Amino acid sequence: MIYVEFYKNKKGFLKGFSFKGHAEFEEYGKDIVCAAVSCAVRLCCNGLTEIAKKNVLIKEEDGEISLKVLNEEVKDEVVQIFLKALKLEIGLIEKSYSENVKLKVTED
């Protein structure tokens, strides 16, 4: 199971995410759920850092990736568009593969 958590502040701005685990839909190298999630996450991370040049902190370890938006960037429209698009895509993947992906949003 891939566990996805998005974090938002009290004003509703998304300020980061965490992805943990493996989809286990199919064997390694053939897992379309894992590939779809990985591709969406990479697009968001690379879009924010390489194209939009936003100040975010990305941590990656085996089977886990997280992103934290630094405070001054939280209200930035481009940052919010990328994060909302990722959340939307993961929600759609979860609808089709609910036994492999679990999404939640936490306010802090």
Protein backbone atom coordinates (compact mmCIF):
# COMPACT_ATOMS: atom_id res chain seq x y z
CA MET A 1 0.00 0.00 0.00
CA ILE A 2 1.17 3.51 -0.82
CA TYR A 3 0.24 5.88 1.98
CA VAL A 4 -0.05 9.50 0.88
CA GLU A 5 -0.46 12.40 3.24
CA PHE A 6 -0.85 16.02 2.20
CA TYR A 7 -0.37 18.74 4.78
CA LYS A 8 -2.25 22.02 4.79
CA ASN A 9 -2.29 25.02 7.08
CA LYS A 10 -5.34 26.51 8.81
CA LYS A 11 -5.96 28.80 5.84
CA GLY A 12 -6.21 25.81 3.49
CA PHE A 13 -2.89 26.23 1.69
CA LEU A 14 -1.15 22.97 0.89
CA LYS A 15 2.33 23.02 2.37
CA GLY A 16 3.76 19.61 1.58
CA PHE A 17 3.28 15.89 1.27
CA SER A 18 4.67 12.50 2.20
CA PHE A 19 4.51 9.27 0.19
CA LYS A 20 5.43 5.97 1.85
CA GLY A 21 5.29 2.33 0.89
CA HIS A 22 4.82 0.30 -2.25
CA ALA A 23 1.65 -0.34 -4.25
CA GLU A 24 2.20 -4.09 -4.54
CA PHE A 25 -0.23 -4.18 -7.46
CA GLU A 26 2.20 -6.24 -9.53
CA GLU A 27 5.79 -7.44 -9.33
CA TYR A 28 8.64 -4.91 -9.40
CA GLY A 29 9.09 -3.45 -12.86
CA LYS A 30 5.51 -4.21 -13.90
CA ASP A 31 3.60 -2.27 -11.23
CA ILE A 32 1.51 0.30 -13.11
CA VAL A 33 0.13 1.83 -9.91
CA CYS A 34 3.61 2.45 -8.54
CA ALA A 35 4.69 3.86 -11.90
CA ALA A 36 1.71 6.23 -12.09
CA VAL A 37 2.23 7.53 -8.55
CA SER A 38 5.99 7.88 -9.02
CA CYS A 39 5.56 9.75 -12.28
CA ALA A 40 3.04 12.18 -10.76
CA VAL A 41 5.28 12.86 -7.74
CA ARG A 42 8.37 13.39 -9.90
CA LEU A 43 6.48 15.77 -12.18
CA CYS A 44 5.41 17.85 -9.19
CA CYS A 45 8.85 17.90 -7.54
CA ASN A 46 10.73 18.65 -10.75
CA GLY A 47 8.19 21.22 -11.85
CA LEU A 48 8.50 23.11 -8.60
CA THR A 49 12.29 22.98 -8.36
CA GLU A 50 13.52 22.97 -11.95
CA ILE A 51 10.89 24.93 -13.86
CA ALA A 52 9.25 27.22 -11.28
CA LYS A 53 12.50 27.53 -9.25
CA LYS A 54 10.57 27.40 -5.96
CA ASN A 55 12.19 26.99 -2.58
CA VAL A 56 11.09 23.55 -1.33
CA LEU A 57 12.76 20.86 0.74
CA ILE A 58 12.63 17.35 -0.74
CA LYS A 59 13.71 14.27 1.20
CA GLU A 60 13.96 10.90 -0.50
CA GLU A 61 14.73 7.49 0.98
CA ASP A 62 13.94 3.96 -0.14
CA GLY A 63 10.18 3.77 -0.61
CA GLU A 64 9.53 7.26 0.79
CA ILE A 65 9.55 10.81 -0.54
CA SER A 66 8.42 13.99 1.14
CA LEU A 67 8.25 17.63 0.16
CA LYS A 68 7.95 20.65 2.41
CA VAL A 69 7.18 24.11 1.11
CA LEU A 70 9.14 26.76 2.95
CA ASN A 71 6.93 29.36 4.64
CA GLU A 72 7.51 32.23 2.23
CA GLU A 73 6.39 30.05 -0.70
CA VAL A 74 3.17 28.59 0.79
CA LYS A 75 0.87 31.25 -0.64
CA ASP A 76 2.54 31.24 -4.05
CA GLU A 77 0.01 30.48 -6.79
CA VAL A 78 2.38 28.26 -8.80
CA VAL A 79 3.24 26.20 -5.72
CA GLN A 80 -0.44 25.70 -4.96
CA ILE A 81 -1.24 24.73 -8.55
CA PHE A 82 1.45 22.03 -8.61
CA LEU A 83 0.42 20.63 -5.21
CA LYS A 84 -3.32 20.71 -5.98
CA ALA A 85 -2.70 19.01 -9.33
CA LEU A 86 -0.70 16.26 -7.62
CA LYS A 87 -3.39 15.81 -4.96
CA LEU A 88 -6.05 15.59 -7.67
CA GLU A 89 -4.07 12.99 -9.65
CA ILE A 90 -3.37 10.84 -6.59
CA GLY A 91 -7.05 11.05 -5.64
CA LEU A 92 -8.00 9.74 -9.10
CA ILE A 93 -5.48 6.91 -8.82
CA GLU A 94 -6.85 6.08 -5.36
CA LYS A 95 -10.38 5.86 -6.80
CA SER A 96 -9.28 3.23 -9.30
CA TYR A 97 -6.82 1.39 -7.03
CA SER A 98 -8.14 1.83 -3.49
CA GLU A 99 -6.48 -1.39 -2.34
CA ASN A 100 -3.08 0.01 -3.33
CA VAL A 101 -3.20 3.76 -2.56
CA LYS A 102 -4.54 5.58 0.50
CA LEU A 103 -4.74 9.38 0.52
CA LYS A 104 -5.41 11.69 3.47
CA VAL A 105 -5.10 15.39 4.15
CA THR A 106 -3.94 16.66 7.53
CA GLU A 107 -4.34 20.21 8.81
CA ASP A 108 -1.81 21.60 11.24
